[in-house]
C-alpha atoms as a PDB file:
ATOM      1  CA  UNK A   1     116.016  79.548 110.205  1.00  0.00           C
ATOM      2  CA  UNK A   2     115.598  78.995 113.933  1.00  0.00           C
ATOM      3  CA  UNK A   3     119.335  78.242 114.334  1.00  0.00           C
ATOM      4  CA  UNK A   4     121.438  81.337 113.797  1.00  0.00           C
ATOM      5  CA  UNK A   5     124.674  79.365 114.030  1.00  0.00           C
ATOM      6  CA  UNK A   6     123.718  77.239 111.017  1.00  0.00           C
ATOM      7  CA  UNK A   7     122.680  79.978 108.604  1.00  0.00           C
ATOM      8  CA  UNK A   8     120.845  79.132 105.430  1.00  0.00           C
ATOM      9  CA  UNK A   9     119.443  81.301 102.635  1.00  0.00           C
ATOM     10  CA  UNK A  10     116.750  83.684 103.842  1.00  0.00           C
ATOM     11  CA  UNK A  11     114.009  84.502 101.353  1.00  0.00           C
ATOM     12  CA  UNK A  12     112.610  87.961 100.737  1.00  0.00           C
ATOM     13  CA  UNK A  13     109.280  87.215 102.493  1.00  0.00           C
ATOM     14  CA  UNK A  14     111.184  85.811 105.495  1.00  0.00           C
ATOM     15  CA  UNK A  15     113.318  88.952 105.739  1.00  0.00           C
ATOM     16  CA  UNK A  16     110.190  91.085 105.520  1.00  0.00           C
ATOM     17  CA  UNK A  17     108.507  88.961 108.182  1.00  0.00           C
ATOM     18  CA  UNK A  18     111.439  89.361 110.587  1.00  0.00           C
ATOM     19  CA  UNK A  19     111.572  93.085 109.942  1.00  0.00           C
ATOM     20  CA  UNK A  20     107.820  93.505 110.517  1.00  0.00           C
ATOM     21  CA  UNK A  21     107.966  91.570 113.808  1.00  0.00           C
ATOM     22  CA  UNK A  22     110.929  93.656 114.925  1.00  0.00           C
ATOM     23  CA  UNK A  23     109.044  96.876 114.264  1.00  0.00           C
ATOM     24  CA  UNK A  24     106.261  96.000 116.657  1.00  0.00           C
ATOM     25  CA  UNK A  25     102.495  95.810 116.244  1.00  0.00           C
ATOM     26  CA  UNK A  26     101.748  99.517 115.807  1.00  0.00           C
ATOM     27  CA  UNK A  27     104.296 100.185 113.048  1.00  0.00           C
ATOM     28  CA  UNK A  28     103.762  96.822 111.360  1.00  0.00           C
ATOM     29  CA  UNK A  29     100.008  97.418 111.179  1.00  0.00           C
ATOM     30  CA  UNK A  30     100.647 100.710 109.347  1.00  0.00           C
ATOM     31  CA  UNK A  31     102.811  98.918 106.787  1.00  0.00           C
ATOM     32  CA  UNK A  32     100.246  96.143 106.362  1.00  0.00           C
ATOM     33  CA  UNK A  33      97.673  98.848 105.682  1.00  0.00           C
ATOM     34  CA  UNK A  34      99.710  99.933 102.624  1.00  0.00           C
ATOM     35  CA  UNK A  35      99.974  96.429 101.190  1.00  0.00           C
ATOM     36  CA  UNK A  36      97.740  94.403  98.921  1.00  0.00           C
ATOM     37  CA  UNK A  37      96.081  91.209 100.170  1.00  0.00           C
ATOM     38  CA  UNK A  38      98.509  89.007  98.240  1.00  0.00           C
ATOM     39  CA  UNK A  39     101.489  90.744  99.818  1.00  0.00           C
ATOM     40  CA  UNK A  40      99.994  90.480 103.308  1.00  0.00           C
ATOM     41  CA  UNK A  41      99.249  86.804 102.725  1.00  0.00           C
ATOM     42  CA  UNK A  42     102.792  86.038 101.563  1.00  0.00           C
ATOM     43  CA  UNK A  43     104.493  87.861 104.443  1.00  0.00           C
ATOM     44  CA  UNK A  44     102.031  86.458 106.996  1.00  0.00           C
ATOM     45  CA  UNK A  45     102.718  82.900 105.796  1.00  0.00           C
ATOM     46  CA  UNK A  46     106.449  83.465 106.215  1.00  0.00           C
ATOM     47  CA  UNK A  47     105.876  85.070 109.607  1.00  0.00           C
ATOM     48  CA  UNK A  48     103.821  82.129 110.882  1.00  0.00           C
ATOM     49  CA  UNK A  49     106.585  79.661 109.958  1.00  0.00           C
ATOM     50  CA  UNK A  50     109.582  81.582 111.326  1.00  0.00           C
ATOM     51  CA  UNK A  51     109.778  79.872 114.708  1.00  0.00           C
ATOM     52  CA  UNK A  52     112.391  81.291 117.077  1.00  0.00           C
ATOM     53  CA  UNK A  53     114.655  83.870 115.485  1.00  0.00           C
ATOM     54  CA  UNK A  54     117.746  84.786 117.467  1.00  0.00           C
ATOM     55  CA  UNK A  55     118.528  88.394 118.237  1.00  0.00           C
ATOM     56  CA  UNK A  56     121.735  88.175 116.191  1.00  0.00           C
ATOM     57  CA  UNK A  57     119.708  87.304 113.091  1.00  0.00           C
ATOM     58  CA  UNK A  58     117.232  90.130 113.724  1.00  0.00           C
ATOM     59  CA  UNK A  59     120.066  92.611 114.191  1.00  0.00           C
ATOM     60  CA  UNK A  60     121.880  91.379 111.072  1.00  0.00           C
ATOM     61  CA  UNK A  61     118.787  91.734 108.881  1.00  0.00           C
ATOM     62  CA  UNK A  62     117.959  95.193 110.248  1.00  0.00           C
ATOM     63  CA  UNK A  63     121.552  96.344 109.663  1.00  0.00           C
ATOM     64  CA  UNK A  64     121.447  94.853 106.174  1.00  0.00           C
ATOM     65  CA  UNK A  65     118.250  96.776 105.476  1.00  0.00           C
ATOM     66  CA  UNK A  66     119.707 100.040 106.800  1.00  0.00           C
ATOM     67  CA  UNK A  67     122.905  99.616 104.770  1.00  0.00           C
ATOM     68  CA  UNK A  68     120.988  98.982 101.547  1.00  0.00           C
ATOM     69  CA  UNK A  69     118.741 101.952 102.194  1.00  0.00           C
ATOM     70  CA  UNK A  70     121.563 104.309 103.146  1.00  0.00           C
ATOM     71  CA  UNK A  71     123.814 103.328 100.238  1.00  0.00           C
ATOM     72  CA  UNK A  72     121.184 103.372  97.546  1.00  0.00           C
ATOM     73  CA  UNK A  73     121.818 106.906  96.249  1.00  0.00           C
ATOM     74  CA  UNK A  74     119.850 107.614  93.096  1.00  0.00           C
ATOM     75  CA  UNK A  75     117.662 104.699  92.071  1.00  0.00           C
ATOM     76  CA  UNK A  76     116.007 103.866  88.765  1.00  0.00           C
ATOM     77  CA  UNK A  77     112.777 101.919  88.611  1.00  0.00           C
ATOM     78  CA  UNK A  78     112.253  99.901  85.445  1.00  0.00           C
ATOM     79  CA  UNK A  79     110.879  96.576  84.277  1.00  0.00           C
ATOM     80  CA  UNK A  80     114.426  95.273  83.841  1.00  0.00           C
ATOM     81  CA  UNK A  81     115.582  96.304  87.344  1.00  0.00           C
ATOM     82  CA  UNK A  82     112.436  94.886  88.898  1.00  0.00           C
ATOM     83  CA  UNK A  83     112.849  91.566  87.094  1.00  0.00           C
ATOM     84  CA  UNK A  84     116.508  91.343  88.085  1.00  0.00           C
ATOM     85  CA  UNK A  85     115.613  91.992  91.727  1.00  0.00           C
ATOM     86  CA  UNK A  86     112.843  89.382  91.764  1.00  0.00           C
ATOM     87  CA  UNK A  87     115.129  86.769  90.214  1.00  0.00           C
ATOM     88  CA  UNK A  88     117.318  86.921  93.324  1.00  0.00           C
ATOM     89  CA  UNK A  89     114.510  85.764  95.631  1.00  0.00           C
ATOM     90  CA  UNK A  90     111.850  83.973  93.553  1.00  0.00           C
ATOM     91  CA  UNK A  91     111.763  81.022  91.138  1.00  0.00           C
ATOM     92  CA  UNK A  92     112.108  81.917  87.455  1.00  0.00           C
ATOM     93  CA  UNK A  93     108.570  80.808  86.521  1.00  0.00           C
ATOM     94  CA  UNK A  94     107.073  82.912  89.337  1.00  0.00           C
ATOM     95  CA  UNK A  95     109.098  85.937  88.223  1.00  0.00           C
ATOM     96  CA  UNK A  96     107.912  85.453  84.633  1.00  0.00           C
ATOM     97  CA  UNK A  97     104.317  85.314  85.824  1.00  0.00           C
ATOM     98  CA  UNK A  98     104.656  88.475  87.905  1.00  0.00           C
ATOM     99  CA  UNK A  99     106.373  90.401  85.107  1.00  0.00           C
ATOM    100  CA  UNK A 100     103.716  89.353  82.597  1.00  0.00           C
ATOM    101  CA  UNK A 101     101.048  90.641  84.964  1.00  0.00           C
ATOM    102  CA  UNK A 102     102.637  94.030  85.632  1.00  0.00           C
ATOM    103  CA  UNK A 103     103.395  94.526  81.944  1.00  0.00           C
ATOM    104  CA  UNK A 104      99.718  93.830  81.262  1.00  0.00           C
ATOM    105  CA  UNK A 105      96.758  96.122  82.008  1.00  0.00           C
ATOM    106  CA  UNK A 106      97.132  98.563  84.893  1.00  0.00           C
ATOM    107  CA  UNK A 107      95.632  97.745  88.280  1.00  0.00           C
ATOM    108  CA  UNK A 108      96.698  96.364  91.639  1.00  0.00           C
ATOM    109  CA  UNK A 109      94.235  93.475  91.785  1.00  0.00           C
ATOM    110  CA  UNK A 110      93.115  91.063  89.095  1.00  0.00           C
ATOM    111  CA  UNK A 111      89.719  92.756  89.055  1.00  0.00           C
ATOM    112  CA  UNK A 112      91.294  96.191  88.624  1.00  0.00           C
ATOM    113  CA  UNK A 113      93.261  94.824  85.689  1.00  0.00           C
ATOM    114  CA  UNK A 114      90.165  93.321  84.070  1.00  0.00           C
ATOM    115  CA  UNK A 115      88.507  96.716  84.326  1.00  0.00           C
ATOM    116  CA  UNK A 116      91.243  98.093  82.077  1.00  0.00           C
ATOM    117  CA  UNK A 117      90.972  95.373  79.437  1.00  0.00           C
ATOM    118  CA  UNK A 118      88.971  96.467  76.403  1.00  0.00           C
ATOM    119  CA  UNK A 119      85.437  95.107  76.586  1.00  0.00           C
ATOM    120  CA  UNK A 120      85.675  93.367  73.196  1.00  0.00           C
ATOM    121  CA  UNK A 121      88.846  91.510  74.252  1.00  0.00           C
ATOM    122  CA  UNK A 122      87.329  90.458  77.564  1.00  0.00           C
ATOM    123  CA  UNK A 123      84.016  89.417  75.977  1.00  0.00           C
ATOM    124  CA  UNK A 124      85.826  87.348  73.357  1.00  0.00           C
ATOM    125  CA  UNK A 125      87.563  85.399  76.120  1.00  0.00           C
ATOM    126  CA  UNK A 126      84.561  85.039  78.447  1.00  0.00           C
ATOM    127  CA  UNK A 127      82.189  83.746  75.757  1.00  0.00           C
ATOM    128  CA  UNK A 128      84.090  80.419  75.906  1.00  0.00           C
ATOM    129  CA  UNK A 129      83.813  80.119  79.700  1.00  0.00           C
ATOM    130  CA  UNK A 130      81.050  78.661  81.853  1.00  0.00           C
ATOM    131  CA  UNK A 131      78.182  81.132  82.515  1.00  0.00           C
ATOM    132  CA  UNK A 132      78.777  80.810  86.267  1.00  0.00           C
ATOM    133  CA  UNK A 133      82.430  81.826  85.836  1.00  0.00           C
ATOM    134  CA  UNK A 134      81.428  84.809  83.703  1.00  0.00           C
ATOM    135  CA  UNK A 135      78.843  85.784  86.318  1.00  0.00           C
ATOM    136  CA  UNK A 136      81.533  85.837  89.010  1.00  0.00           C
ATOM    137  CA  UNK A 137      83.839  87.940  86.833  1.00  0.00           C
ATOM    138  CA  UNK A 138      81.171  90.494  85.855  1.00  0.00           C
ATOM    139  CA  UNK A 139      80.072  90.784  89.478  1.00  0.00           C
ATOM    140  CA  UNK A 140      83.603  91.802  90.451  1.00  0.00           C
ATOM    141  CA  UNK A 141      84.339  94.461  87.794  1.00  0.00           C
ATOM    142  CA  UNK A 142      82.845  97.937  87.575  1.00  0.00           C
ATOM    143  CA  UNK A 143      79.131  97.947  86.564  1.00  0.00           C
ATOM    144  CA  UNK A 144      79.722 100.138  83.492  1.00  0.00           C
ATOM    145  CA  UNK A 145      82.475  97.848  82.237  1.00  0.00           C
ATOM    146  CA  UNK A 146      80.382  94.775  83.003  1.00  0.00           C
ATOM    147  CA  UNK A 147      77.511  96.256  81.004  1.00  0.00           C
ATOM    148  CA  UNK A 148      79.669  96.806  77.926  1.00  0.00           C
ATOM    149  CA  UNK A 149      81.065  93.263  78.134  1.00  0.00           C
ATOM    150  CA  UNK A 150      77.608  91.758  78.630  1.00  0.00           C
ATOM    151  CA  UNK A 151      76.294  93.571  75.558  1.00  0.00           C
ATOM    152  CA  UNK A 152      78.996  91.932  73.429  1.00  0.00           C
ATOM    153  CA  UNK A 153      78.278  88.373  74.532  1.00  0.00           C
ATOM    154  CA  UNK A 154      75.951  86.132  72.431  1.00  0.00           C
ATOM    155  CA  UNK A 155      72.385  86.933  73.492  1.00  0.00           C
ATOM    156  CA  UNK A 156      71.433  83.472  74.782  1.00  0.00           C
ATOM    157  CA  UNK A 157      74.708  83.082  76.638  1.00  0.00           C
ATOM    158  CA  UNK A 158      74.388  86.598  78.081  1.00  0.00           C
ATOM    159  CA  UNK A 159      70.952  85.756  79.512  1.00  0.00           C
ATOM    160  CA  UNK A 160      72.390  82.637  81.147  1.00  0.00           C
ATOM    161  CA  UNK A 161      74.996  84.871  82.776  1.00  0.00           C
ATOM    162  CA  UNK A 162      72.344  87.360  83.901  1.00  0.00           C
ATOM    163  CA  UNK A 163      70.245  84.602  85.512  1.00  0.00           C
ATOM    164  CA  UNK A 164      73.258  83.277  87.407  1.00  0.00           C
ATOM    165  CA  UNK A 165      74.166  86.773  88.572  1.00  0.00           C
ATOM    166  CA  UNK A 166      70.608  87.212  89.883  1.00  0.00           C
ATOM    167  CA  UNK A 167      70.765  83.922  91.794  1.00  0.00           C
ATOM    168  CA  UNK A 168      74.341  84.417  92.981  1.00  0.00           C
ATOM    169  CA  UNK A 169      74.865  84.951  96.679  1.00  0.00           C
ATOM    170  CA  UNK A 170      78.221  85.410  98.372  1.00  0.00           C
ATOM    171  CA  UNK A 171      80.990  83.656  96.470  1.00  0.00           C
ATOM    172  CA  UNK A 172      83.106  81.277  98.500  1.00  0.00           C
ATOM    173  CA  UNK A 173      86.712  82.359  98.875  1.00  0.00           C
ATOM    174  CA  UNK A 174      88.127  79.190  97.324  1.00  0.00           C
ATOM    175  CA  UNK A 175      85.869  79.577  94.269  1.00  0.00           C
ATOM    176  CA  UNK A 176      86.940  83.211  93.858  1.00  0.00           C
ATOM    177  CA  UNK A 177      90.605  82.246  94.247  1.00  0.00           C
ATOM    178  CA  UNK A 178      90.197  79.525  91.620  1.00  0.00           C
ATOM    179  CA  UNK A 179      88.589  81.917  89.124  1.00  0.00           C
ATOM    180  CA  UNK A 180      91.271  84.521  89.813  1.00  0.00           C
ATOM    181  CA  UNK A 181      94.050  81.977  89.329  1.00  0.00           C
ATOM    182  CA  UNK A 182      92.528  80.803  86.039  1.00  0.00           C
ATOM    183  CA  UNK A 183      92.272  84.367  84.764  1.00  0.00           C
ATOM    184  CA  UNK A 184      95.849  85.052  85.771  1.00  0.00           C
ATOM    185  CA  UNK A 185      97.328  81.930  84.205  1.00  0.00           C
ATOM    186  CA  UNK A 186      95.183  81.607  81.078  1.00  0.00           C
ATOM    187  CA  UNK A 187      94.012  85.101  80.191  1.00  0.00           C
ATOM    188  CA  UNK A 188      96.326  87.765  81.603  1.00  0.00           C
ATOM    189  CA  UNK A 189      99.510  85.885  80.761  1.00  0.00           C
ATOM    190  CA  UNK A 190      98.432  85.422  77.148  1.00  0.00           C
ATOM    191  CA  UNK A 191      97.254  89.031  76.981  1.00  0.00           C
ATOM    192  CA  UNK A 192     100.576  90.343  78.287  1.00  0.00           C
ATOM    193  CA  UNK A 193     102.462  88.279  75.722  1.00  0.00           C
ATOM    194  CA  UNK A 194     100.215  89.096  72.788  1.00  0.00           C
ATOM    195  CA  UNK A 195      99.461  92.758  73.427  1.00  0.00           C
ATOM    196  CA  UNK A 196     101.360  94.872  70.961  1.00  0.00           C
ATOM    197  CA  UNK A 197     100.579  98.372  69.821  1.00  0.00           C
ATOM    198  CA  UNK A 198      98.797  98.360  66.490  1.00  0.00           C
ATOM    199  CA  UNK A 199     101.137  99.711  63.798  1.00  0.00           C
ATOM    200  CA  UNK A 200      98.265 101.450  61.994  1.00  0.00           C
ATOM    201  CA  UNK A 201      97.316 103.324  65.183  1.00  0.00           C
ATOM    202  CA  UNK A 202     100.924 104.407  65.626  1.00  0.00           C
ATOM    203  CA  UNK A 203     101.117 105.668  62.039  1.00  0.00           C
ATOM    204  CA  UNK A 204      97.776 107.468  62.404  1.00  0.00           C
ATOM    205  CA  UNK A 205      99.210 109.420  65.354  1.00  0.00           C
ATOM    206  CA  UNK A 206     102.336 110.240  63.361  1.00  0.00           C
ATOM    207  CA  UNK A 207     100.302 111.374  60.339  1.00  0.00           C
ATOM    208  CA  UNK A 208      98.137 113.500  62.628  1.00  0.00           C
ATOM    209  CA  UNK A 209     101.279 115.397  63.599  1.00  0.00           C
ATOM    210  CA  UNK A 210     102.308 116.144  60.011  1.00  0.00           C
ATOM    211  CA  UNK A 211     101.373 119.384  58.285  1.00  0.00           C
ATOM    212  CA  UNK A 212      98.591 119.064  55.733  1.00  0.00           C
ATOM    213  CA  UNK A 213     100.812 118.949  52.643  1.00  0.00           C
ATOM    214  CA  UNK A 214     103.124 116.288  54.088  1.00  0.00           C
ATOM    215  CA  UNK A 215     100.153 114.271  55.334  1.00  0.00           C
ATOM    216  CA  UNK A 216      98.498 114.283  51.897  1.00  0.00           C
ATOM    217  CA  UNK A 217     101.782 113.418  50.216  1.00  0.00           C
ATOM    218  CA  UNK A 218     102.421 110.414  52.436  1.00  0.00           C
ATOM    219  CA  UNK A 219      98.849 109.156  52.238  1.00  0.00           C
ATOM    220  CA  UNK A 220      98.829 109.447  48.445  1.00  0.00           C
ATOM    221  CA  UNK A 221     102.088 107.522  48.206  1.00  0.00           C
ATOM    222  CA  UNK A 222     100.802 104.900  50.634  1.00  0.00           C
ATOM    223  CA  UNK A 223      97.589 104.461  48.639  1.00  0.00           C
ATOM    224  CA  UNK A 224      99.665 103.524  45.600  1.00  0.00           C
ATOM    225  CA  UNK A 225     101.405 100.773  47.564  1.00  0.00           C
ATOM    226  CA  UNK A 226      98.597  99.605  49.848  1.00  0.00           C
ATOM    227  CA  UNK A 227      95.148 101.150  49.562  1.00  0.00           C
ATOM    228  CA  UNK A 228      93.920  98.994  52.447  1.00  0.00           C
ATOM    229  CA  UNK A 229      96.612 100.281  54.824  1.00  0.00           C
ATOM    230  CA  UNK A 230      95.999 103.888  53.748  1.00  0.00           C
ATOM    231  CA  UNK A 231      92.246 103.577  54.327  1.00  0.00           C
ATOM    232  CA  UNK A 232      92.738 102.032  57.746  1.00  0.00           C
ATOM    233  CA  UNK A 233      95.135 104.772  58.808  1.00  0.00           C
ATOM    234  CA  UNK A 234      92.742 107.459  57.586  1.00  0.00           C
ATOM    235  CA  UNK A 235      89.931 105.859  59.570  1.00  0.00           C
ATOM    236  CA  UNK A 236      92.075 106.001  62.729  1.00  0.00           C
ATOM    237  CA  UNK A 237      93.205 109.585  62.268  1.00  0.00           C
ATOM    238  CA  UNK A 238      91.389 112.382  64.088  1.00  0.00           C
ATOM    239  CA  UNK A 239      91.633 115.611  62.125  1.00  0.00           C
ATOM    240  CA  UNK A 240      90.264 119.116  62.466  1.00  0.00           C
ATOM    241  CA  UNK A 241      87.376 118.225  60.137  1.00  0.00           C
ATOM    242  CA  UNK A 242      86.434 115.409  62.529  1.00  0.00           C
ATOM    243  CA  UNK A 243      85.447 118.044  65.090  1.00  0.00           C
ATOM    244  CA  UNK A 244      82.129 118.070  63.209  1.00  0.00           C
ATOM    245  CA  UNK A 245      81.345 114.855  65.091  1.00  0.00           C
ATOM    246  CA  UNK A 246      81.385 116.653  68.448  1.00  0.00           C
ATOM    247  CA  UNK A 247      78.152 117.295  70.282  1.00  0.00           C
ATOM    248  CA  UNK A 248      77.253 120.913  71.198  1.00  0.00           C
ATOM    249  CA  UNK A 249      78.277 120.425  74.873  1.00  0.00           C
ATOM    250  CA  UNK A 250      81.625 119.031  73.697  1.00  0.00           C
ATOM    251  CA  UNK A 251      82.184 121.988  71.359  1.00  0.00           C
ATOM    252  CA  UNK A 252      81.388 124.387  74.199  1.00  0.00           C
ATOM    253  CA  UNK A 253      83.858 122.600  76.500  1.00  0.00           C
ATOM    254  CA  UNK A 254      86.485 122.832  73.762  1.00  0.00           C
ATOM    255  CA  UNK A 255      85.804 126.537  73.219  1.00  0.00           C
ATOM    256  CA  UNK A 256      86.360 127.187  76.915  1.00  0.00           C
ATOM    257  CA  UNK A 257      89.736 125.461  76.919  1.00  0.00           C
ATOM    258  CA  UNK A 258      91.467 126.532  73.690  1.00  0.00           C
ATOM    259  CA  UNK A 259      93.610 129.619  73.237  1.00  0.00           C
ATOM    260  CA  UNK A 260      91.342 132.290  71.776  1.00  0.00           C
ATOM    261  CA  UNK A 261      93.897 133.515  69.254  1.00  0.00           C
ATOM    262  CA  UNK A 262      94.083 130.006  67.712  1.00  0.00           C
ATOM    263  CA  UNK A 263      90.421 129.757  66.752  1.00  0.00           C
ATOM    264  CA  UNK A 264      90.175 132.549  64.097  1.00  0.00           C
ATOM    265  CA  UNK A 265      93.328 131.251  62.390  1.00  0.00           C
ATOM    266  CA  UNK A 266      92.117 127.624  62.498  1.00  0.00           C
ATOM    267  CA  UNK A 267      88.688 128.521  61.100  1.00  0.00           C
ATOM    268  CA  UNK A 268      90.244 130.620  58.349  1.00  0.00           C
ATOM    269  CA  UNK A 269      90.956 127.384  56.484  1.00  0.00           C
ATOM    270  CA  UNK A 270      87.856 125.474  57.626  1.00  0.00           C
ATOM    271  CA  UNK A 271      84.708 124.543  55.728  1.00  0.00           C
ATOM    272  CA  UNK A 272      81.534 126.570  56.184  1.00  0.00           C
ATOM    273  CA  UNK A 273      79.933 123.607  57.955  1.00  0.00           C
ATOM    274  CA  UNK A 274      82.688 123.488  60.533  1.00  0.00           C
ATOM    275  CA  UNK A 275      82.642 127.252  60.980  1.00  0.00           C
ATOM    276  CA  UNK A 276      78.892 127.126  61.575  1.00  0.00           C
ATOM    277  CA  UNK A 277      79.410 124.455  64.221  1.00  0.00           C
ATOM    278  CA  UNK A 278      81.592 126.829  66.256  1.00  0.00           C
ATOM    279  CA  UNK A 279      79.492 129.915  65.535  1.00  0.00           C
ATOM    280  CA  UNK A 280      76.381 128.039  66.644  1.00  0.00           C
ATOM    281  CA  UNK A 281      77.886 127.311  70.036  1.00  0.00           C
ATOM    282  CA  UNK A 282      78.757 130.942  70.751  1.00  0.00           C
ATOM    283  CA  UNK A 283      76.538 133.802  71.769  1.00  0.00           C
ATOM    284  CA  UNK A 284      75.363 135.989  68.908  1.00  0.00           C
ATOM    285  CA  UNK A 285      77.755 138.747  69.944  1.00  0.00           C
ATOM    286  CA  UNK A 286      80.738 136.390  70.330  1.00  0.00           C
ATOM    287  CA  UNK A 287      80.000 134.716  66.974  1.00  0.00           C
ATOM    288  CA  UNK A 288      79.884 138.135  65.259  1.00  0.00           C
ATOM    289  CA  UNK A 289      83.220 139.115  66.800  1.00  0.00           C
ATOM    290  CA  UNK A 290      84.774 135.819  65.691  1.00  0.00           C
ATOM    291  CA  UNK A 291      83.589 136.344  62.091  1.00  0.00           C
ATOM    292  CA  UNK A 292      85.122 139.799  62.113  1.00  0.00           C
ATOM    293  CA  UNK A 293      88.420 138.455  63.459  1.00  0.00           C
ATOM    294  CA  UNK A 294      88.558 135.851  60.680  1.00  0.00           C
ATOM    295  CA  UNK A 295      87.888 138.456  57.990  1.00  0.00           C
ATOM    296  CA  UNK A 296      90.460 140.834  59.492  1.00  0.00           C
ATOM    297  CA  UNK A 297      93.210 138.217  59.194  1.00  0.00           C
ATOM    298  CA  UNK A 298      93.523 138.625  55.438  1.00  0.00           C
ATOM    299  CA  UNK A 299      95.758 136.119  53.579  1.00  0.00           C
ATOM    300  CA  UNK A 300      97.508 133.709  55.940  1.00  0.00           C
ATOM    301  CA  UNK A 301     100.093 130.973  55.490  1.00  0.00           C
ATOM    302  CA  UNK A 302      98.720 127.471  55.185  1.00  0.00           C
ATOM    303  CA  UNK A 303     101.362 126.306  57.632  1.00  0.00           C
ATOM    304  CA  UNK A 304     100.049 128.704  60.303  1.00  0.00           C
ATOM    305  CA  UNK A 305      96.491 127.465  59.746  1.00  0.00           C
ATOM    306  CA  UNK A 306      97.650 123.845  60.057  1.00  0.00           C
ATOM    307  CA  UNK A 307      99.454 124.608  63.296  1.00  0.00           C
ATOM    308  CA  UNK A 308      96.412 126.332  64.806  1.00  0.00           C
ATOM    309  CA  UNK A 309      94.140 123.463  63.777  1.00  0.00           C
ATOM    310  CA  UNK A 310      96.598 120.898  65.142  1.00  0.00           C
ATOM    311  CA  UNK A 311      96.681 122.734  68.481  1.00  0.00           C
ATOM    312  CA  UNK A 312      92.881 122.613  68.726  1.00  0.00           C
ATOM    313  CA  UNK A 313      92.787 118.925  67.778  1.00  0.00           C
ATOM    314  CA  UNK A 314      95.439 118.203  70.431  1.00  0.00           C
ATOM    315  CA  UNK A 315      93.327 120.040  73.009  1.00  0.00           C
ATOM    316  CA  UNK A 316      90.265 118.025  71.997  1.00  0.00           C
ATOM    317  CA  UNK A 317      92.235 114.808  72.498  1.00  0.00           C
ATOM    318  CA  UNK A 318      93.380 115.953  75.942  1.00  0.00           C
ATOM    319  CA  UNK A 319      89.782 116.683  76.960  1.00  0.00           C
ATOM    320  CA  UNK A 320      88.750 113.269  75.646  1.00  0.00           C
ATOM    321  CA  UNK A 321      91.550 111.540  77.568  1.00  0.00           C
ATOM    322  CA  UNK A 322      90.370 113.299  80.735  1.00  0.00           C
ATOM    323  CA  UNK A 323      86.818 112.118  80.083  1.00  0.00           C
ATOM    324  CA  UNK A 324      85.482 115.660  79.637  1.00  0.00           C
ATOM    325  CA  UNK A 325      84.296 115.083  76.052  1.00  0.00           C
ATOM    326  CA  UNK A 326      83.949 112.188  73.624  1.00  0.00           C
ATOM    327  CA  UNK A 327      85.478 112.339  70.159  1.00  0.00           C
ATOM    328  CA  UNK A 328      84.277 108.975  68.893  1.00  0.00           C
ATOM    329  CA  UNK A 329      81.786 108.455  66.109  1.00  0.00           C
ATOM    330  CA  UNK A 330      78.498 110.165  66.906  1.00  0.00           C
ATOM    331  CA  UNK A 331      76.609 109.678  63.651  1.00  0.00           C
ATOM    332  CA  UNK A 332      75.916 105.968  64.220  1.00  0.00           C
ATOM    333  CA  UNK A 333      74.499 106.429  67.701  1.00  0.00           C
ATOM    334  CA  UNK A 334      70.776 106.186  68.185  1.00  0.00           C
ATOM    335  CA  UNK A 335      69.150 109.477  69.153  1.00  0.00           C
ATOM    336  CA  UNK A 336      66.010 110.053  71.217  1.00  0.00           C
ATOM    337  CA  UNK A 337      63.880 113.089  70.362  1.00  0.00           C
END
């Protein structure tokens, strides 16, 4: 690359390195501050090996950059466009590895990604690793996530991991790199290839969106063909009746967020137990007013009741997704009195 009169292919990292050097220390440091360690390492390696770069080459690359930027117009970011772009500068196997990673769990670093892998999946993989490796991994992920993974490991093995975590001091960089590389090549790649959305979960969401009559019709027909599939879908569905599983604080949070005109209509077709759950989380005056509103409705269409209940269920799911409430099973949890 040092000889501008004998040009040869310039890689992406080399172009970036030239551009960063041309910008100067102050501007380059700002860009480095926005990059991840891996990106800094790759560009820095290219930068250190550039040698002398003639001014003509610097000017050509800067002009090339400006032309691409100015002529871009509307751009579309997608997995396909990203893969096509990477294929122009990186080997095919490296591109495949990168695409598998970004299609996998969200997160910039390997440890961020592990924090978004379900604890049961991660525990199932780690139980076959050396305790010292597991100790390194659990020390790098969030404590809450580490706790859930640890609880799913075999008890004896988990204690081995705990003892190594207690004795663990600073982890050498090469050891950490080796563990990270193993996770990337053996675990994340397989996870990205094997992760598919469960069909029963997808159907449960679809059934949740049906009105009550259509839902019952489909489930009844499905039971005739596959009782097992029907039961699994029903177990994954979250319906208005499932609001009985909410704790009082969760019900109160839901009451504060739903449209007030939806609640009387939704409770018009609810069981007494579910009505009492809502009444019990209101003041005496507010509960009395709600009862009166329900009675004043008179006969209502089942479709309108279903729509009101569906709106409240959707709101409960939004609160759960935001971490405000939990809508999982409560009955099996141990209580302290």
